[in-house]
Amino acid sequence: MNPTKVDRNHLLRLTDLPNVGPACEKDLRLIGIRVPAHLRGRDPYDMYAQLCLKTGVVHDPCVIDVFLSVVRFMEGGDPQPWWAFSRERKAALARDPLTL
């Protein structure tokens, strides 16, 4: 969903989250996340690694940005577009390429 349209009081489905559409919902379900509450306390980098292992494909690193956006949102952060997390991801991977 577009971050500007997210309603924190209406989070029943994964697609109610910022930046999550049908394709991302499918990816989240593949790694065992069924409802938004399952994102609390999760590690977005670990989620990405799990997705790559499950699918046998190295996904675009921007998927990490989406995972960062939804985990942070579920931990109380404001809804933001996924690309607001790109700088953080790039810095984390530059510091520790084995983060994944």
N, C-alpha and C. Protein backbone atom coordinates (compact mmCIF):
# COMPACT_ATOMS: atom_id res chain seq x y z
N MET A 1 0.84 -1.17 0.00
CA MET A 1 0.00 0.00 0.00
C MET A 1 0.89 1.24 0.00
N ASN A 2 0.41 2.28 -0.63
CA ASN A 2 1.11 3.55 -0.63
C ASN A 2 1.23 4.05 0.81
N PRO A 3 2.44 4.42 1.25
CA PRO A 3 2.64 4.85 2.63
C PRO A 3 1.72 5.98 3.08
N THR A 4 1.33 6.85 2.16
CA THR A 4 0.46 7.97 2.54
C THR A 4 -0.97 7.53 2.83
N LYS A 5 -1.33 6.30 2.46
CA LYS A 5 -2.69 5.81 2.65
C LYS A 5 -2.82 4.80 3.78
N VAL A 6 -1.72 4.51 4.45
CA VAL A 6 -1.74 3.51 5.51
C VAL A 6 -2.49 4.02 6.73
N ASP A 7 -3.32 3.16 7.28
CA ASP A 7 -4.06 3.46 8.51
C ASP A 7 -3.60 2.47 9.57
N ARG A 8 -2.83 2.95 10.54
CA ARG A 8 -2.27 2.09 11.58
C ARG A 8 -3.37 1.34 12.34
N ASN A 9 -4.59 1.88 12.36
CA ASN A 9 -5.70 1.24 13.06
C ASN A 9 -6.38 0.15 12.21
N HIS A 10 -5.92 0.00 10.99
CA HIS A 10 -6.51 -1.00 10.09
C HIS A 10 -5.38 -1.82 9.45
N LEU A 11 -4.86 -2.76 10.21
CA LEU A 11 -3.75 -3.59 9.73
C LEU A 11 -4.14 -5.06 9.82
N LEU A 12 -5.07 -5.45 8.99
CA LEU A 12 -5.53 -6.83 9.02
C LEU A 12 -4.75 -7.73 8.08
N ARG A 13 -4.41 -7.19 6.91
CA ARG A 13 -3.71 -7.97 5.90
C ARG A 13 -2.32 -7.39 5.67
N LEU A 14 -1.44 -8.20 5.12
CA LEU A 14 -0.09 -7.72 4.80
C LEU A 14 -0.13 -6.55 3.82
N THR A 15 -1.08 -6.56 2.91
CA THR A 15 -1.17 -5.47 1.93
C THR A 15 -1.71 -4.18 2.55
N ASP A 16 -2.07 -4.19 3.83
CA ASP A 16 -2.43 -2.96 4.53
C ASP A 16 -1.18 -2.20 4.98
N LEU A 17 -0.02 -2.83 4.87
CA LEU A 17 1.24 -2.23 5.29
C LEU A 17 1.81 -1.31 4.21
N PRO A 18 2.63 -0.33 4.61
CA PRO A 18 3.26 0.52 3.61
C PRO A 18 4.19 -0.30 2.71
N ASN A 19 4.13 -0.04 1.42
CA ASN A 19 5.02 -0.62 0.42
C ASN A 19 4.77 -2.09 0.12
N VAL A 20 3.70 -2.66 0.63
CA VAL A 20 3.43 -4.08 0.39
C VAL A 20 2.26 -4.21 -0.58
N GLY A 21 2.58 -4.80 -1.73
CA GLY A 21 1.56 -5.14 -2.71
C GLY A 21 1.47 -6.65 -2.81
N PRO A 22 0.78 -7.16 -3.81
CA PRO A 22 0.61 -8.61 -3.95
C PRO A 22 1.92 -9.39 -4.05
N ALA A 23 2.90 -8.89 -4.78
CA ALA A 23 4.17 -9.63 -4.95
C ALA A 23 4.93 -9.70 -3.62
N CYS A 24 4.99 -8.59 -2.91
CA CYS A 24 5.68 -8.58 -1.62
C CYS A 24 4.92 -9.44 -0.61
N GLU A 25 3.60 -9.39 -0.67
CA GLU A 25 2.80 -10.24 0.23
C GLU A 25 3.16 -11.71 0.01
N LYS A 26 3.30 -12.10 -1.23
CA LYS A 26 3.67 -13.49 -1.55
C LYS A 26 5.04 -13.82 -0.96
N ASP A 27 6.00 -12.90 -1.10
CA ASP A 27 7.34 -13.12 -0.55
C ASP A 27 7.30 -13.26 0.97
N LEU A 28 6.54 -12.40 1.62
CA LEU A 28 6.43 -12.47 3.08
C LEU A 28 5.81 -13.80 3.52
N ARG A 29 4.80 -14.23 2.82
CA ARG A 29 4.16 -15.50 3.15
C ARG A 29 5.12 -16.68 2.98
N LEU A 30 5.99 -16.59 1.96
CA LEU A 30 6.98 -17.65 1.74
C LEU A 30 7.91 -17.84 2.93
N ILE A 31 8.16 -16.76 3.67
CA ILE A 31 9.06 -16.86 4.81
C ILE A 31 8.28 -16.93 6.14
N GLY A 32 7.00 -17.26 6.04
CA GLY A 32 6.22 -17.55 7.24
C GLY A 32 5.53 -16.38 7.89
N ILE A 33 5.50 -15.25 7.23
CA ILE A 33 4.82 -14.08 7.80
C ILE A 33 3.42 -14.03 7.19
N ARG A 34 2.42 -14.15 8.04
CA ARG A 34 1.03 -14.23 7.57
C ARG A 34 0.21 -12.98 7.87
N VAL A 35 0.56 -12.30 8.97
CA VAL A 35 -0.17 -11.09 9.37
C VAL A 35 0.86 -10.03 9.79
N PRO A 36 0.47 -8.76 9.75
CA PRO A 36 1.41 -7.70 10.10
C PRO A 36 2.10 -7.88 11.45
N ALA A 37 1.40 -8.37 12.44
CA ALA A 37 1.99 -8.53 13.78
C ALA A 37 3.20 -9.46 13.77
N HIS A 38 3.29 -10.37 12.81
CA HIS A 38 4.43 -11.29 12.73
C HIS A 38 5.74 -10.57 12.40
N LEU A 39 5.68 -9.31 12.02
CA LEU A 39 6.88 -8.56 11.66
C LEU A 39 7.59 -7.95 12.86
N ARG A 40 6.90 -7.83 13.97
CA ARG A 40 7.51 -7.21 15.15
C ARG A 40 8.70 -8.04 15.62
N GLY A 41 9.83 -7.36 15.82
CA GLY A 41 11.02 -8.03 16.32
C GLY A 41 11.81 -8.79 15.27
N ARG A 42 11.39 -8.74 14.03
CA ARG A 42 12.10 -9.47 12.98
C ARG A 42 13.30 -8.67 12.48
N ASP A 43 14.28 -9.38 11.93
CA ASP A 43 15.47 -8.78 11.34
C ASP A 43 15.28 -8.73 9.82
N PRO A 44 15.16 -7.53 9.24
CA PRO A 44 14.92 -7.43 7.80
C PRO A 44 16.00 -8.10 6.94
N TYR A 45 17.25 -8.08 7.40
CA TYR A 45 18.33 -8.70 6.63
C TYR A 45 18.20 -10.23 6.67
N ASP A 46 17.80 -10.75 7.80
CA ASP A 46 17.55 -12.18 7.93
C ASP A 46 16.35 -12.59 7.08
N MET A 47 15.34 -11.75 7.08
CA MET A 47 14.15 -12.03 6.25
C MET A 47 14.55 -12.14 4.77
N TYR A 48 15.40 -11.21 4.33
CA TYR A 48 15.87 -11.22 2.95
C TYR A 48 16.65 -12.49 2.65
N ALA A 49 17.55 -12.87 3.56
CA ALA A 49 18.34 -14.09 3.37
C ALA A 49 17.42 -15.31 3.31
N GLN A 50 16.42 -15.36 4.16
CA GLN A 50 15.46 -16.47 4.13
C GLN A 50 14.74 -16.53 2.80
N LEU A 51 14.32 -15.36 2.29
CA LEU A 51 13.61 -15.32 1.01
C LEU A 51 14.50 -15.84 -0.12
N CYS A 52 15.75 -15.40 -0.14
CA CYS A 52 16.68 -15.85 -1.18
C CYS A 52 16.89 -17.36 -1.10
N LEU A 53 17.02 -17.88 0.10
CA LEU A 53 17.20 -19.34 0.28
C LEU A 53 15.96 -20.10 -0.16
N LYS A 54 14.80 -19.61 0.24
CA LYS A 54 13.53 -20.29 -0.10
C LYS A 54 13.29 -20.36 -1.60
N THR A 55 13.61 -19.26 -2.29
CA THR A 55 13.31 -19.18 -3.72
C THR A 55 14.46 -19.64 -4.60
N GLY A 56 15.68 -19.71 -4.02
CA GLY A 56 16.84 -20.08 -4.82
C GLY A 56 17.27 -18.97 -5.76
N VAL A 57 16.86 -17.74 -5.44
CA VAL A 57 17.16 -16.58 -6.28
C VAL A 57 17.72 -15.48 -5.39
N VAL A 58 18.74 -14.77 -5.90
CA VAL A 58 19.22 -13.60 -5.18
C VAL A 58 18.34 -12.43 -5.63
N HIS A 59 17.50 -11.97 -4.73
CA HIS A 59 16.55 -10.90 -5.05
C HIS A 59 17.24 -9.54 -5.05
N ASP A 60 16.60 -8.60 -5.69
CA ASP A 60 17.10 -7.23 -5.70
C ASP A 60 17.25 -6.75 -4.26
N PRO A 61 18.37 -6.11 -3.93
CA PRO A 61 18.58 -5.64 -2.55
C PRO A 61 17.52 -4.64 -2.08
N CYS A 62 16.79 -4.04 -3.01
CA CYS A 62 15.73 -3.11 -2.62
C CYS A 62 14.64 -3.82 -1.82
N VAL A 63 14.57 -5.13 -1.93
CA VAL A 63 13.62 -5.90 -1.12
C VAL A 63 13.95 -5.68 0.36
N ILE A 64 15.22 -5.55 0.68
CA ILE A 64 15.62 -5.28 2.07
C ILE A 64 15.02 -3.95 2.52
N ASP A 65 15.01 -2.96 1.63
CA ASP A 65 14.44 -1.66 1.97
C ASP A 65 12.96 -1.79 2.33
N VAL A 66 12.25 -2.59 1.56
CA VAL A 66 10.83 -2.81 1.85
C VAL A 66 10.69 -3.51 3.21
N PHE A 67 11.51 -4.52 3.44
CA PHE A 67 11.44 -5.23 4.72
C PHE A 67 11.79 -4.29 5.88
N LEU A 68 12.79 -3.43 5.70
CA LEU A 68 13.11 -2.43 6.72
C LEU A 68 11.90 -1.54 6.98
N SER A 69 11.25 -1.10 5.92
CA SER A 69 10.12 -0.17 6.07
C SER A 69 8.97 -0.80 6.85
N VAL A 70 8.67 -2.06 6.60
CA VAL A 70 7.52 -2.67 7.28
C VAL A 70 7.85 -3.07 8.72
N VAL A 71 9.06 -3.52 8.95
CA VAL A 71 9.44 -3.87 10.33
C VAL A 71 9.46 -2.61 11.18
N ARG A 72 10.06 -1.55 10.67
CA ARG A 72 10.12 -0.30 11.43
C ARG A 72 8.72 0.25 11.67
N PHE A 73 7.86 0.15 10.67
CA PHE A 73 6.48 0.62 10.84
C PHE A 73 5.78 -0.17 11.95
N MET A 74 5.94 -1.48 11.94
CA MET A 74 5.28 -2.30 12.95
C MET A 74 5.89 -2.09 14.34
N GLU A 75 7.07 -1.54 14.39
CA GLU A 75 7.69 -1.22 15.69
C GLU A 75 7.39 0.22 16.12
N GLY A 76 6.49 0.89 15.38
CA GLY A 76 6.03 2.22 15.79
C GLY A 76 6.48 3.38 14.93
N GLY A 77 7.30 3.11 13.92
CA GLY A 77 7.77 4.19 13.05
C GLY A 77 6.69 4.70 12.12
N ASP A 78 6.94 5.84 11.54
CA ASP A 78 6.01 6.42 10.57
C ASP A 78 6.07 5.65 9.26
N PRO A 79 4.95 5.60 8.54
CA PRO A 79 4.99 4.97 7.21
C PRO A 79 5.83 5.83 6.27
N GLN A 80 6.78 5.18 5.62
CA GLN A 80 7.67 5.89 4.69
C GLN A 80 7.79 5.07 3.41
N PRO A 81 8.12 5.73 2.31
CA PRO A 81 8.37 4.97 1.08
C PRO A 81 9.60 4.09 1.27
N TRP A 82 9.64 2.96 0.58
CA TRP A 82 10.73 2.00 0.77
C TRP A 82 12.09 2.62 0.50
N TRP A 83 12.16 3.54 -0.46
CA TRP A 83 13.46 4.09 -0.83
C TRP A 83 14.04 5.00 0.26
N ALA A 84 13.25 5.34 1.26
CA ALA A 84 13.77 6.11 2.39
C ALA A 84 14.75 5.27 3.22
N PHE A 85 14.77 3.97 2.99
CA PHE A 85 15.64 3.07 3.74
C PHE A 85 16.86 2.60 2.94
N SER A 86 16.98 3.04 1.69
CA SER A 86 18.08 2.61 0.83
C SER A 86 19.44 3.01 1.39
N ARG A 87 19.56 4.23 1.86
CA ARG A 87 20.84 4.71 2.39
C ARG A 87 21.26 3.86 3.60
N GLU A 88 20.30 3.56 4.47
CA GLU A 88 20.60 2.74 5.65
C GLU A 88 21.08 1.35 5.24
N ARG A 89 20.39 0.73 4.27
CA ARG A 89 20.79 -0.60 3.80
C ARG A 89 22.19 -0.57 3.20
N LYS A 90 22.45 0.40 2.36
CA LYS A 90 23.76 0.49 1.71
C LYS A 90 24.87 0.68 2.73
N ALA A 91 24.61 1.50 3.74
CA ALA A 91 25.62 1.72 4.78
C ALA A 91 25.84 0.45 5.60
N ALA A 92 24.77 -0.25 5.92
CA ALA A 92 24.90 -1.49 6.70
C ALA A 92 25.69 -2.53 5.93
N LEU A 93 25.41 -2.67 4.65
CA LEU A 93 26.11 -3.67 3.84
C LEU A 93 27.56 -3.26 3.58
N ALA A 94 27.83 -1.96 3.52
CA ALA A 94 29.20 -1.50 3.35
C ALA A 94 30.02 -1.77 4.60
N ARG A 95 29.40 -1.59 5.78
CA ARG A 95 30.09 -1.85 7.05
C ARG A 95 30.35 -3.34 7.24
N ASP A 96 29.36 -4.14 6.86
CA ASP A 96 29.46 -5.58 7.10
C ASP A 96 28.78 -6.33 5.96
N PRO A 97 29.53 -6.65 4.90
CA PRO A 97 28.93 -7.35 3.75
C PRO A 97 28.34 -8.70 4.13
N LEU A 98 28.73 -9.24 5.27
CA LEU A 98 28.20 -10.53 5.70
C LEU A 98 26.90 -10.38 6.48
N THR A 99 26.35 -9.16 6.50
CA THR A 99 25.07 -8.92 7.15
C THR A 99 24.03 -9.88 6.60
N LEU A 100 24.18 -10.22 5.33
CA LEU A 100 23.24 -11.16 4.71
C LEU A 100 23.76 -12.52 5.00
